[in-house]
PDB file of N, CA and C in Angstrom:
ATOM      1  N   UNK A   1       0.836  -1.185   0.000  1.00  0.00           N
ATOM      2  CA  UNK A   1       0.000   0.000   0.000  1.00  0.00           C
ATOM      3  C   UNK A   1       0.877   1.244   0.000  1.00  0.00           C
ATOM      4  N   UNK A   2       0.465   2.222  -0.760  1.00  0.00           N
ATOM      5  CA  UNK A   2       1.205   3.477  -0.840  1.00  0.00           C
ATOM      6  C   UNK A   2       1.108   4.231   0.476  1.00  0.00           C
ATOM      7  N   UNK A   3       2.212   4.786   0.885  1.00  0.00           N
ATOM      8  CA  UNK A   3       2.191   5.632   2.074  1.00  0.00           C
ATOM      9  C   UNK A   3       2.218   7.095   1.692  1.00  0.00           C
ATOM     10  N   UNK A   4       2.084   7.373   0.406  1.00  0.00           N
ATOM     11  CA  UNK A   4       2.099   8.757  -0.056  1.00  0.00           C
ATOM     12  C   UNK A   4       0.896   9.512   0.466  1.00  0.00           C
ATOM     13  N   UNK A   5       1.039  10.807   0.568  1.00  0.00           N
ATOM     14  CA  UNK A   5      -0.045  11.636   1.100  1.00  0.00           C
ATOM     15  C   UNK A   5      -1.173  11.807   0.094  1.00  0.00           C
ATOM     16  N   UNK A   6      -2.291  12.261   0.591  1.00  0.00           N
ATOM     17  CA  UNK A   6      -3.423  12.659  -0.236  1.00  0.00           C
ATOM     18  C   UNK A   6      -3.461  14.177  -0.158  1.00  0.00           C
ATOM     19  N   UNK A   7      -3.424  14.834  -1.304  1.00  0.00           N
ATOM     20  CA  UNK A   7      -3.354  16.291  -1.351  1.00  0.00           C
ATOM     21  C   UNK A   7      -4.667  16.841  -1.905  1.00  0.00           C
ATOM     22  N   UNK A   8      -5.178  17.874  -1.261  1.00  0.00           N
ATOM     23  CA  UNK A   8      -6.415  18.534  -1.675  1.00  0.00           C
ATOM     24  C   UNK A   8      -6.087  19.955  -2.112  1.00  0.00           C
ATOM     25  N   UNK A   9      -6.491  20.307  -3.316  1.00  0.00           N
ATOM     26  CA  UNK A   9      -6.347  21.681  -3.803  1.00  0.00           C
ATOM     27  C   UNK A   9      -7.693  22.148  -4.345  1.00  0.00           C
ATOM     28  N   UNK A  10      -7.811  23.442  -4.523  1.00  0.00           N
ATOM     29  CA  UNK A  10      -9.082  24.050  -4.896  1.00  0.00           C
ATOM     30  C   UNK A  10      -8.896  24.841  -6.185  1.00  0.00           C
ATOM     31  N   UNK A  11      -9.271  24.241  -7.322  1.00  0.00           N
ATOM     32  CA  UNK A  11      -9.040  24.893  -8.615  1.00  0.00           C
ATOM     33  C   UNK A  11     -10.002  26.056  -8.858  1.00  0.00           C
ATOM     34  N   UNK A  12      -9.579  26.937  -9.711  1.00  0.00           N
ATOM     35  CA  UNK A  12     -10.436  28.017 -10.213  1.00  0.00           C
ATOM     36  C   UNK A  12     -10.897  29.014  -9.152  1.00  0.00           C
ATOM     37  N   UNK A  13     -10.118  29.150  -8.052  1.00  0.00           N
ATOM     38  CA  UNK A  13     -10.429  30.186  -7.064  1.00  0.00           C
ATOM     39  C   UNK A  13      -9.141  30.924  -6.719  1.00  0.00           C
ATOM     40  N   UNK A  14      -9.294  32.114  -6.181  1.00  0.00           N
ATOM     41  CA  UNK A  14      -8.132  32.901  -5.778  1.00  0.00           C
ATOM     42  C   UNK A  14      -7.515  32.294  -4.510  1.00  0.00           C
ATOM     43  N   UNK A  15      -6.295  32.690  -4.204  1.00  0.00           N
ATOM     44  CA  UNK A  15      -5.600  32.154  -3.030  1.00  0.00           C
ATOM     45  C   UNK A  15      -6.351  32.432  -1.730  1.00  0.00           C
ATOM     46  N   UNK A  16      -6.966  33.620  -1.618  1.00  0.00           N
ATOM     47  CA  UNK A  16      -7.671  33.921  -0.375  1.00  0.00           C
ATOM     48  C   UNK A  16      -8.886  33.021  -0.184  1.00  0.00           C
ATOM     49  N   UNK A  17      -9.609  32.730  -1.253  1.00  0.00           N
ATOM     50  CA  UNK A  17     -10.752  31.816  -1.163  1.00  0.00           C
ATOM     51  C   UNK A  17     -10.260  30.396  -0.893  1.00  0.00           C
ATOM     52  N   UNK A  18      -9.181  29.990  -1.557  1.00  0.00           N
ATOM     53  CA  UNK A  18      -8.617  28.657  -1.331  1.00  0.00           C
ATOM     54  C   UNK A  18      -8.171  28.487   0.119  1.00  0.00           C
ATOM     55  N   UNK A  19      -7.648  29.548   0.725  1.00  0.00           N
ATOM     56  CA  UNK A  19      -7.270  29.501   2.142  1.00  0.00           C
ATOM     57  C   UNK A  19      -8.479  29.231   3.033  1.00  0.00           C
ATOM     58  N   UNK A  20      -9.569  29.891   2.748  1.00  0.00           N
ATOM     59  CA  UNK A  20     -10.802  29.689   3.522  1.00  0.00           C
ATOM     60  C   UNK A  20     -11.293  28.258   3.331  1.00  0.00           C
ATOM     61  N   UNK A  21     -11.308  27.796   2.084  1.00  0.00           N
ATOM     62  CA  UNK A  21     -11.727  26.422   1.796  1.00  0.00           C
ATOM     63  C   UNK A  21     -10.833  25.411   2.517  1.00  0.00           C
ATOM     64  N   UNK A  22      -9.528  25.639   2.486  1.00  0.00           N
ATOM     65  CA  UNK A  22      -8.587  24.706   3.107  1.00  0.00           C
ATOM     66  C   UNK A  22      -8.834  24.600   4.608  1.00  0.00           C
ATOM     67  N   UNK A  23      -9.024  25.718   5.269  1.00  0.00           N
ATOM     68  CA  UNK A  23      -9.268  25.687   6.712  1.00  0.00           C
ATOM     69  C   UNK A  23     -10.594  24.996   7.027  1.00  0.00           C
ATOM     70  N   UNK A  24     -11.622  25.303   6.255  1.00  0.00           N
ATOM     71  CA  UNK A  24     -12.938  24.709   6.485  1.00  0.00           C
ATOM     72  C   UNK A  24     -12.909  23.191   6.257  1.00  0.00           C
ATOM     73  N   UNK A  25     -12.271  22.754   5.177  1.00  0.00           N
ATOM     74  CA  UNK A  25     -12.178  21.320   4.904  1.00  0.00           C
ATOM     75  C   UNK A  25     -11.321  20.628   5.954  1.00  0.00           C
ATOM     76  N   UNK A  26     -10.255  21.274   6.388  1.00  0.00           N
ATOM     77  CA  UNK A  26      -9.395  20.706   7.439  1.00  0.00           C
ATOM     78  C   UNK A  26     -10.222  20.440   8.687  1.00  0.00           C
ATOM     79  N   UNK A  27     -11.016  21.405   9.091  1.00  0.00           N
ATOM     80  CA  UNK A  27     -11.857  21.236  10.274  1.00  0.00           C
ATOM     81  C   UNK A  27     -12.877  20.119  10.068  1.00  0.00           C
ATOM     82  N   UNK A  28     -13.438  20.017   8.873  1.00  0.00           N
ATOM     83  CA  UNK A  28     -14.421  18.969   8.589  1.00  0.00           C
ATOM     84  C   UNK A  28     -13.787  17.575   8.621  1.00  0.00           C
ATOM     85  N   UNK A  29     -12.572  17.460   8.110  1.00  0.00           N
ATOM     86  CA  UNK A  29     -11.924  16.152   8.048  1.00  0.00           C
ATOM     87  C   UNK A  29     -11.306  15.731   9.374  1.00  0.00           C
ATOM     88  N   UNK A  30     -10.973  16.671  10.222  1.00  0.00           N
ATOM     89  CA  UNK A  30     -10.348  16.325  11.502  1.00  0.00           C
ATOM     90  C   UNK A  30     -11.245  15.426  12.345  1.00  0.00           C
ATOM     91  N   UNK A  31     -12.553  15.542  12.175  1.00  0.00           N
ATOM     92  CA  UNK A  31     -13.485  14.689  12.922  1.00  0.00           C
ATOM     93  C   UNK A  31     -13.393  13.228  12.501  1.00  0.00           C
ATOM     94  N   UNK A  32     -12.898  12.955  11.296  1.00  0.00           N
ATOM     95  CA  UNK A  32     -12.837  11.583  10.795  1.00  0.00           C
ATOM     96  C   UNK A  32     -11.485  10.925  11.037  1.00  0.00           C
ATOM     97  N   UNK A  33     -10.492  11.677  11.497  1.00  0.00           N
ATOM     98  CA  UNK A  33      -9.140  11.145  11.625  1.00  0.00           C
ATOM     99  C   UNK A  33      -8.942  10.377  12.929  1.00  0.00           C
ATOM    100  N   UNK A  34      -8.055   9.390  12.872  1.00  0.00           N
ATOM    101  CA  UNK A  34      -7.672   8.653  14.081  1.00  0.00           C
ATOM    102  C   UNK A  34      -6.300   9.146  14.526  1.00  0.00           C
ATOM    103  N   UNK A  35      -5.776   8.586  15.592  1.00  0.00           N
ATOM    104  CA  UNK A  35      -4.517   9.049  16.166  1.00  0.00           C
ATOM    105  C   UNK A  35      -3.319   8.965  15.247  1.00  0.00           C
ATOM    106  N   UNK A  36      -3.314   8.035  14.283  1.00  0.00           N
ATOM    107  CA  UNK A  36      -2.146   7.871  13.419  1.00  0.00           C
ATOM    108  C   UNK A  36      -2.232   8.713  12.146  1.00  0.00           C
ATOM    109  N   UNK A  37      -3.304   9.460  12.000  1.00  0.00           N
ATOM    110  CA  UNK A  37      -3.499  10.295  10.811  1.00  0.00           C
ATOM    111  C   UNK A  37      -3.155  11.735  11.136  1.00  0.00           C
ATOM    112  N   UNK A  38      -2.788  12.473  10.100  1.00  0.00           N
ATOM    113  CA  UNK A  38      -2.583  13.913  10.309  1.00  0.00           C
ATOM    114  C   UNK A  38      -2.936  14.661   9.030  1.00  0.00           C
ATOM    115  N   UNK A  39      -3.357  15.889   9.223  1.00  0.00           N
ATOM    116  CA  UNK A  39      -3.689  16.754   8.097  1.00  0.00           C
ATOM    117  C   UNK A  39      -3.009  18.091   8.332  1.00  0.00           C
ATOM    118  N   UNK A  40      -2.350  18.590   7.303  1.00  0.00           N
ATOM    119  CA  UNK A  40      -1.570  19.817   7.421  1.00  0.00           C
ATOM    120  C   UNK A  40      -1.892  20.746   6.257  1.00  0.00           C
ATOM    121  N   UNK A  41      -1.808  22.027   6.519  1.00  0.00           N
ATOM    122  CA  UNK A  41      -1.940  23.008   5.444  1.00  0.00           C
ATOM    123  C   UNK A  41      -0.552  23.323   4.914  1.00  0.00           C
ATOM    124  N   UNK A  42      -0.477  23.484   3.592  1.00  0.00           N
ATOM    125  CA  UNK A  42       0.782  23.862   2.957  1.00  0.00           C
ATOM    126  C   UNK A  42       0.553  25.066   2.065  1.00  0.00           C
ATOM    127  N   UNK A  43       1.569  25.879   1.997  1.00  0.00           N
ATOM    128  CA  UNK A  43       1.525  27.014   1.068  1.00  0.00           C
ATOM    129  C   UNK A  43       1.779  26.496  -0.335  1.00  0.00           C
ATOM    130  N   UNK A  44       1.044  27.029  -1.279  1.00  0.00           N
ATOM    131  CA  UNK A  44       1.285  26.652  -2.672  1.00  0.00           C
ATOM    132  C   UNK A  44       2.475  27.408  -3.247  1.00  0.00           C
ATOM    133  N   UNK A  45       2.794  28.561  -2.624  1.00  0.00           N
ATOM    134  CA  UNK A  45       3.955  29.352  -3.030  1.00  0.00           C
ATOM    135  C   UNK A  45       4.722  29.747  -1.787  1.00  0.00           C
ATOM    136  N   UNK A  46       6.023  29.575  -1.814  1.00  0.00           N
ATOM    137  CA  UNK A  46       6.832  29.890  -0.637  1.00  0.00           C
ATOM    138  C   UNK A  46       6.917  31.389  -0.361  1.00  0.00           C
ATOM    139  N   UNK A  47       6.658  32.224  -1.365  1.00  0.00           N
ATOM    140  CA  UNK A  47       6.759  33.664  -1.170  1.00  0.00           C
ATOM    141  C   UNK A  47       5.436  34.305  -0.742  1.00  0.00           C
ATOM    142  N   UNK A  48       4.423  33.498  -0.479  1.00  0.00           N
ATOM    143  CA  UNK A  48       3.146  34.061  -0.056  1.00  0.00           C
ATOM    144  C   UNK A  48       3.069  34.107   1.465  1.00  0.00           C
ATOM    145  N   UNK A  49       2.165  34.928   1.956  1.00  0.00           N
ATOM    146  CA  UNK A  49       2.014  35.073   3.397  1.00  0.00           C
ATOM    147  C   UNK A  49       0.754  34.379   3.904  1.00  0.00           C
ATOM    148  N   UNK A  50       0.167  33.531   3.078  1.00  0.00           N
ATOM    149  CA  UNK A  50      -1.047  32.849   3.509  1.00  0.00           C
ATOM    150  C   UNK A  50      -0.715  31.687   4.445  1.00  0.00           C
ATOM    151  N   UNK A  51      -1.746  31.111   5.030  1.00  0.00           N
ATOM    152  CA  UNK A  51      -1.559  29.986   5.942  1.00  0.00           C
ATOM    153  C   UNK A  51      -1.409  28.669   5.183  1.00  0.00           C
ATOM    154  N   UNK A  52      -1.796  28.658   3.936  1.00  0.00           N
ATOM    155  CA  UNK A  52      -1.693  27.467   3.120  1.00  0.00           C
ATOM    156  C   UNK A  52      -3.021  27.140   2.483  1.00  0.00           C
ATOM    157  N   UNK A  53      -3.044  27.142   1.169  1.00  0.00           N
ATOM    158  CA  UNK A  53      -4.268  26.875   0.433  1.00  0.00           C
ATOM    159  C   UNK A  53      -4.351  25.429  -0.026  1.00  0.00           C
ATOM    160  N   UNK A  54      -3.372  24.621   0.365  1.00  0.00           N
ATOM    161  CA  UNK A  54      -3.336  23.205   0.014  1.00  0.00           C
ATOM    162  C   UNK A  54      -3.369  22.399   1.306  1.00  0.00           C
ATOM    163  N   UNK A  55      -4.160  21.332   1.311  1.00  0.00           N
ATOM    164  CA  UNK A  55      -4.189  20.424   2.453  1.00  0.00           C
ATOM    165  C   UNK A  55      -3.478  19.142   2.086  1.00  0.00           C
ATOM    166  N   UNK A  56      -2.698  18.610   3.016  1.00  0.00           N
ATOM    167  CA  UNK A  56      -2.012  17.336   2.814  1.00  0.00           C
ATOM    168  C   UNK A  56      -2.453  16.410   3.940  1.00  0.00           C
ATOM    169  N   UNK A  57      -3.009  15.271   3.559  1.00  0.00           N
ATOM    170  CA  UNK A  57      -3.513  14.295   4.511  1.00  0.00           C
ATOM    171  C   UNK A  57      -2.644  13.053   4.452  1.00  0.00           C
ATOM    172  N   UNK A  58      -2.093  12.663   5.585  1.00  0.00           N
ATOM    173  CA  UNK A  58      -1.305  11.440   5.676  1.00  0.00           C
ATOM    174  C   UNK A  58      -2.118  10.473   6.516  1.00  0.00           C
ATOM    175  N   UNK A  59      -2.609   9.417   5.864  1.00  0.00           N
ATOM    176  CA  UNK A  59      -3.497   8.468   6.522  1.00  0.00           C
ATOM    177  C   UNK A  59      -2.748   7.307   7.128  1.00  0.00           C
ATOM    178  N   UNK A  60      -3.191   6.927   8.280  1.00  0.00           N
ATOM    179  CA  UNK A  60      -2.727   5.695   8.899  1.00  0.00           C
ATOM    180  C   UNK A  60      -3.804   4.650   8.730  1.00  0.00           C
ATOM    181  N   UNK A  61      -4.841   4.727   9.558  1.00  0.00           N
ATOM    182  CA  UNK A  61      -5.872   3.700   9.540  1.00  0.00           C
ATOM    183  C   UNK A  61      -7.265   4.218   9.216  1.00  0.00           C
ATOM    184  N   UNK A  62      -7.447   5.498   9.063  1.00  0.00           N
ATOM    185  CA  UNK A  62      -8.776   6.023   8.778  1.00  0.00           C
ATOM    186  C   UNK A  62      -9.299   5.465   7.465  1.00  0.00           C
ATOM    187  N   UNK A  63     -10.561   5.082   7.455  1.00  0.00           N
ATOM    188  CA  UNK A  63     -11.187   4.548   6.251  1.00  0.00           C
ATOM    189  C   UNK A  63     -11.336   5.655   5.211  1.00  0.00           C
ATOM    190  N   UNK A  64     -10.980   5.341   3.979  1.00  0.00           N
ATOM    191  CA  UNK A  64     -11.100   6.342   2.923  1.00  0.00           C
ATOM    192  C   UNK A  64     -12.555   6.711   2.675  1.00  0.00           C
ATOM    193  N   UNK A  65     -13.489   5.826   3.016  1.00  0.00           N
ATOM    194  CA  UNK A  65     -14.905   6.156   2.860  1.00  0.00           C
ATOM    195  C   UNK A  65     -15.270   7.326   3.760  1.00  0.00           C
ATOM    196  N   UNK A  66     -14.730   7.358   4.967  1.00  0.00           N
ATOM    197  CA  UNK A  66     -15.005   8.475   5.886  1.00  0.00           C
ATOM    198  C   UNK A  66     -14.438   9.773   5.329  1.00  0.00           C
ATOM    199  N   UNK A  67     -13.258   9.696   4.735  1.00  0.00           N
ATOM    200  CA  UNK A  67     -12.659  10.886   4.122  1.00  0.00           C
ATOM    201  C   UNK A  67     -13.527  11.365   2.956  1.00  0.00           C
ATOM    202  N   UNK A  68     -13.949  10.430   2.100  1.00  0.00           N
ATOM    203  CA  UNK A  68     -14.785  10.792   0.946  1.00  0.00           C
ATOM    204  C   UNK A  68     -16.112  11.397   1.405  1.00  0.00           C
ATOM    205  N   UNK A  69     -16.689  10.861   2.459  1.00  0.00           N
ATOM    206  CA  UNK A  69     -17.938  11.409   2.997  1.00  0.00           C
ATOM    207  C   UNK A  69     -17.714  12.810   3.553  1.00  0.00           C
ATOM    208  N   UNK A  70     -16.578  13.036   4.204  1.00  0.00           N
ATOM    209  CA  UNK A  70     -16.248  14.369   4.686  1.00  0.00           C
ATOM    210  C   UNK A  70     -16.112  15.368   3.547  1.00  0.00           C
ATOM    211  N   UNK A  71     -15.530  14.928   2.438  1.00  0.00           N
ATOM    212  CA  UNK A  71     -15.410  15.794   1.265  1.00  0.00           C
ATOM    213  C   UNK A  71     -16.791  16.112   0.702  1.00  0.00           C
ATOM    214  N   UNK A  72     -17.671  15.096   0.631  1.00  0.00           N
ATOM    215  CA  UNK A  72     -19.025  15.322   0.127  1.00  0.00           C
ATOM    216  C   UNK A  72     -19.758  16.345   0.990  1.00  0.00           C
ATOM    217  N   UNK A  73     -19.667  16.203   2.303  1.00  0.00           N
ATOM    218  CA  UNK A  73     -20.318  17.136   3.219  1.00  0.00           C
ATOM    219  C   UNK A  73     -19.777  18.544   3.029  1.00  0.00           C
ATOM    220  N   UNK A  74     -18.454  18.659   2.880  1.00  0.00           N
ATOM    221  CA  UNK A  74     -17.842  19.963   2.677  1.00  0.00           C
ATOM    222  C   UNK A  74     -18.311  20.588   1.368  1.00  0.00           C
ATOM    223  N   UNK A  75     -18.362  19.781   0.292  1.00  0.00           N
ATOM    224  CA  UNK A  75     -18.824  20.296  -0.995  1.00  0.00           C
ATOM    225  C   UNK A  75     -20.284  20.743  -0.923  1.00  0.00           C
ATOM    226  N   UNK A  76     -21.098  20.029  -0.162  1.00  0.00           N
ATOM    227  CA  UNK A  76     -22.502  20.415  -0.012  1.00  0.00           C
ATOM    228  C   UNK A  76     -22.626  21.766   0.687  1.00  0.00           C
ATOM    229  N   UNK A  77     -21.757  22.023   1.658  1.00  0.00           N
ATOM    230  CA  UNK A  77     -21.770  23.301   2.384  1.00  0.00           C
ATOM    231  C   UNK A  77     -21.204  24.440   1.552  1.00  0.00           C
ATOM    232  N   UNK A  78     -20.379  24.131   0.592  1.00  0.00           N
ATOM    233  CA  UNK A  78     -19.714  25.149  -0.230  1.00  0.00           C
ATOM    234  C   UNK A  78     -20.189  25.016  -1.667  1.00  0.00           C
ATOM    235  N   UNK A  79     -21.420  25.409  -1.878  1.00  0.00           N
ATOM    236  CA  UNK A  79     -22.066  25.260  -3.179  1.00  0.00           C
ATOM    237  C   UNK A  79     -21.214  25.846  -4.303  1.00  0.00           C
ATOM    238  N   UNK A  80     -21.012  25.061  -5.333  1.00  0.00           N
ATOM    239  CA  UNK A  80     -20.249  25.510  -6.487  1.00  0.00           C
ATOM    240  C   UNK A  80     -18.754  25.310  -6.370  1.00  0.00           C
ATOM    241  N   UNK A  81     -18.276  24.928  -5.190  1.00  0.00           N
ATOM    242  CA  UNK A  81     -16.839  24.714  -5.007  1.00  0.00           C
ATOM    243  C   UNK A  81     -16.414  23.420  -5.688  1.00  0.00           C
ATOM    244  N   UNK A  82     -15.156  23.378  -6.073  1.00  0.00           N
ATOM    245  CA  UNK A  82     -14.580  22.174  -6.670  1.00  0.00           C
ATOM    246  C   UNK A  82     -13.324  21.829  -5.887  1.00  0.00           C
ATOM    247  N   UNK A  83     -12.957  20.563  -5.929  1.00  0.00           N
ATOM    248  CA  UNK A  83     -11.770  20.108  -5.220  1.00  0.00           C
ATOM    249  C   UNK A  83     -11.027  19.118  -6.097  1.00  0.00           C
ATOM    250  N   UNK A  84      -9.714  19.213  -6.069  1.00  0.00           N
ATOM    251  CA  UNK A  84      -8.861  18.236  -6.726  1.00  0.00           C
ATOM    252  C   UNK A  84      -8.210  17.404  -5.641  1.00  0.00           C
ATOM    253  N   UNK A  85      -8.283  16.099  -5.775  1.00  0.00           N
ATOM    254  CA  UNK A  85      -7.703  15.169  -4.805  1.00  0.00           C
ATOM    255  C   UNK A  85      -6.596  14.416  -5.516  1.00  0.00           C
ATOM    256  N   UNK A  86      -5.369  14.567  -5.043  1.00  0.00           N
ATOM    257  CA  UNK A  86      -4.225  13.879  -5.641  1.00  0.00           C
ATOM    258  C   UNK A  86      -3.685  12.881  -4.639  1.00  0.00           C
ATOM    259  N   UNK A  87      -3.633  11.621  -5.064  1.00  0.00           N
ATOM    260  CA  UNK A  87      -3.120  10.558  -4.207  1.00  0.00           C
ATOM    261  C   UNK A  87      -1.686  10.296  -4.618  1.00  0.00           C
ATOM    262  N   UNK A  88      -0.760  10.430  -3.668  1.00  0.00           N
ATOM    263  CA  UNK A  88       0.665  10.282  -3.950  1.00  0.00           C
ATOM    264  C   UNK A  88       1.066   8.836  -4.166  1.00  0.00           C
ATOM    265  N   UNK A  89       2.354   8.615  -4.116  1.00  0.00           N
ATOM    266  CA  UNK A  89       2.890   7.291  -4.380  1.00  0.00           C
ATOM    267  C   UNK A  89       3.646   7.295  -5.688  1.00  0.00           C
ATOM    268  N   UNK A  90       3.981   6.107  -6.147  1.00  0.00           N
ATOM    269  CA  UNK A  90       4.755   6.017  -7.379  1.00  0.00           C
ATOM    270  C   UNK A  90       3.958   6.464  -8.593  1.00  0.00           C
ATOM    271  N   UNK A  91       2.652   6.278  -8.548  1.00  0.00           N
ATOM    272  CA  UNK A  91       1.799   6.698  -9.660  1.00  0.00           C
ATOM    273  C   UNK A  91       0.730   7.627  -9.106  1.00  0.00           C
ATOM    274  N   UNK A  92       0.868   8.901  -9.383  1.00  0.00           N
ATOM    275  CA  UNK A  92      -0.090   9.865  -8.855  1.00  0.00           C
ATOM    276  C   UNK A  92      -1.404   9.790  -9.625  1.00  0.00           C
ATOM    277  N   UNK A  93      -2.487   9.903  -8.884  1.00  0.00           N
ATOM    278  CA  UNK A  93      -3.824   9.917  -9.462  1.00  0.00           C
ATOM    279  C   UNK A  93      -4.502  11.188  -8.984  1.00  0.00           C
ATOM    280  N   UNK A  94      -5.042  11.967  -9.903  1.00  0.00           N
ATOM    281  CA  UNK A  94      -5.756  13.179  -9.532  1.00  0.00           C
ATOM    282  C   UNK A  94      -7.219  13.012  -9.877  1.00  0.00           C
ATOM    283  N   UNK A  95      -8.076  13.287  -8.901  1.00  0.00           N
ATOM    284  CA  UNK A  95      -9.522  13.193  -9.074  1.00  0.00           C
ATOM    285  C   UNK A  95     -10.103  14.587  -8.912  1.00  0.00           C
ATOM    286  N   UNK A  96     -11.115  14.895  -9.690  1.00  0.00           N
ATOM    287  CA  UNK A  96     -11.757  16.205  -9.632  1.00  0.00           C
ATOM    288  C   UNK A  96     -13.187  16.004  -9.141  1.00  0.00           C
ATOM    289  N   UNK A  97     -13.583  16.736  -8.109  1.00  0.00           N
ATOM    290  CA  UNK A  97     -14.923  16.567  -7.557  1.00  0.00           C
ATOM    291  C   UNK A  97     -15.684  17.868  -7.436  1.00  0.00           C
ATOM    292  N   UNK A  98     -16.979  17.768  -7.700  1.00  0.00           N
ATOM    293  CA  UNK A  98     -17.895  18.901  -7.533  1.00  0.00           C
ATOM    294  C   UNK A  98     -19.289  18.308  -7.349  1.00  0.00           C
ATOM    295  N   UNK A  99     -20.022  18.749  -6.338  1.00  0.00           N
ATOM    296  CA  UNK A  99     -21.401  18.313  -6.100  1.00  0.00           C
ATOM    297  C   UNK A  99     -21.541  16.784  -6.080  1.00  0.00           C
ATOM    298  N   UNK A 100     -20.847  16.127  -5.178  1.00  0.00           N
ATOM    299  CA  UNK A 100     -20.870  14.672  -5.114  1.00  0.00           C
ATOM    300  C   UNK A 100     -22.156  14.159  -4.471  1.00  0.00           C
ATOM    301  N   UNK A 101     -22.769  13.158  -5.112  1.00  0.00           N
ATOM    302  CA  UNK A 101     -23.888  12.466  -4.477  1.00  0.00           C
ATOM    303  C   UNK A 101     -23.339  11.221  -3.781  1.00  0.00           C
ATOM    304  N   UNK A 102     -24.202  10.440  -3.134  1.00  0.00           N
ATOM    305  CA  UNK A 102     -23.719   9.293  -2.359  1.00  0.00           C
ATOM    306  C   UNK A 102     -23.035   8.250  -3.235  1.00  0.00           C
ATOM    307  N   UNK A 103     -23.479   8.092  -4.465  1.00  0.00           N
ATOM    308  CA  UNK A 103     -22.836   7.149  -5.377  1.00  0.00           C
ATOM    309  C   UNK A 103     -21.434   7.641  -5.756  1.00  0.00           C
ATOM    310  N   UNK A 104     -21.298   8.927  -5.964  1.00  0.00           N
ATOM    311  CA  UNK A 104     -19.999   9.503  -6.303  1.00  0.00           C
ATOM    312  C   UNK A 104     -19.036   9.420  -5.118  1.00  0.00           C
ATOM    313  N   UNK A 105     -19.561   9.492  -3.892  1.00  0.00           N
ATOM    314  CA  UNK A 105     -18.719   9.348  -2.703  1.00  0.00           C
ATOM    315  C   UNK A 105     -18.071   7.970  -2.700  1.00  0.00           C
ATOM    316  N   UNK A 106     -18.854   6.948  -3.005  1.00  0.00           N
ATOM    317  CA  UNK A 106     -18.301   5.592  -3.047  1.00  0.00           C
ATOM    318  C   UNK A 106     -17.258   5.460  -4.155  1.00  0.00           C
ATOM    319  N   UNK A 107     -17.511   6.090  -5.294  1.00  0.00           N
ATOM    320  CA  UNK A 107     -16.538   6.058  -6.393  1.00  0.00           C
ATOM    321  C   UNK A 107     -15.251   6.776  -5.986  1.00  0.00           C
ATOM    322  N   UNK A 108     -15.375   7.907  -5.292  1.00  0.00           N
ATOM    323  CA  UNK A 108     -14.205   8.637  -4.817  1.00  0.00           C
ATOM    324  C   UNK A 108     -13.421   7.797  -3.809  1.00  0.00           C
ATOM    325  N   UNK A 109     -14.120   7.169  -2.874  1.00  0.00           N
ATOM    326  CA  UNK A 109     -13.454   6.322  -1.885  1.00  0.00           C
ATOM    327  C   UNK A 109     -12.737   5.164  -2.558  1.00  0.00           C
ATOM    328  N   UNK A 110     -13.367   4.548  -3.544  1.00  0.00           N
ATOM    329  CA  UNK A 110     -12.746   3.430  -4.269  1.00  0.00           C
ATOM    330  C   UNK A 110     -11.519   3.891  -5.028  1.00  0.00           C
ATOM    331  N   UNK A 111     -11.606   5.048  -5.652  1.00  0.00           N
ATOM    332  CA  UNK A 111     -10.479   5.567  -6.414  1.00  0.00           C
ATOM    333  C   UNK A 111      -9.304   5.890  -5.499  1.00  0.00           C
ATOM    334  N   UNK A 112      -9.574   6.480  -4.348  1.00  0.00           N
ATOM    335  CA  UNK A 112      -8.508   6.784  -3.389  1.00  0.00           C
ATOM    336  C   UNK A 112      -7.877   5.490  -2.888  1.00  0.00           C
ATOM    337  N   UNK A 113      -8.728   4.529  -2.522  1.00  0.00           N
ATOM    338  CA  UNK A 113      -8.216   3.255  -2.007  1.00  0.00           C
ATOM    339  C   UNK A 113      -7.378   2.534  -3.055  1.00  0.00           C
ATOM    340  N   UNK A 114      -7.846   2.521  -4.296  1.00  0.00           N
ATOM    341  CA  UNK A 114      -7.095   1.861  -5.379  1.00  0.00           C
ATOM    342  C   UNK A 114      -5.753   2.532  -5.616  1.00  0.00           C
ATOM    343  N   UNK A 115      -5.753   3.849  -5.627  1.00  0.00           N
ATOM    344  CA  UNK A 115      -4.518   4.587  -5.874  1.00  0.00           C
ATOM    345  C   UNK A 115      -3.526   4.367  -4.741  1.00  0.00           C
ATOM    346  N   UNK A 116      -4.015   4.227  -3.528  1.00  0.00           N
ATOM    347  CA  UNK A 116      -3.121   4.012  -2.384  1.00  0.00           C
ATOM    348  C   UNK A 116      -2.507   2.615  -2.419  1.00  0.00           C
ATOM    349  N   UNK A 117      -3.142   1.670  -3.110  1.00  0.00           N
ATOM    350  CA  UNK A 117      -2.611   0.306  -3.195  1.00  0.00           C
ATOM    351  C   UNK A 117      -1.497   0.182  -4.210  1.00  0.00           C
ATOM    352  N   UNK A 118      -1.426   1.122  -5.149  1.00  0.00           N
ATOM    353  CA  UNK A 118      -0.430   1.037  -6.226  1.00  0.00           C
ATOM    354  C   UNK A 118       0.945   1.404  -5.742  1.00  0.00           C
TER     355      UNK A 118
END
């Protein structure tokens, strides 16, 4: 299984909006994490003064379904927002999400789980 991080970015928005999205999603996902997991904000540019518009999630044992459900809930609260999910490892996979329904949540969870196995 890949130990690479899962990275969340917010396309088509300015850095200030992405910062707000990153903090809000971080708070939403923290409820699903276990003790061996961590989520951190990263700056997309080293010369910026923001707190970080990119989230990096390093999973230990948390179920990817819980993460996908957290993303769905966040997207529902942020109407019109989009998120890019990149799963690290030797072969990076990038998924694009907007307005996920329950079926799409399962597809997102499966895609994350599959990418982490590679």
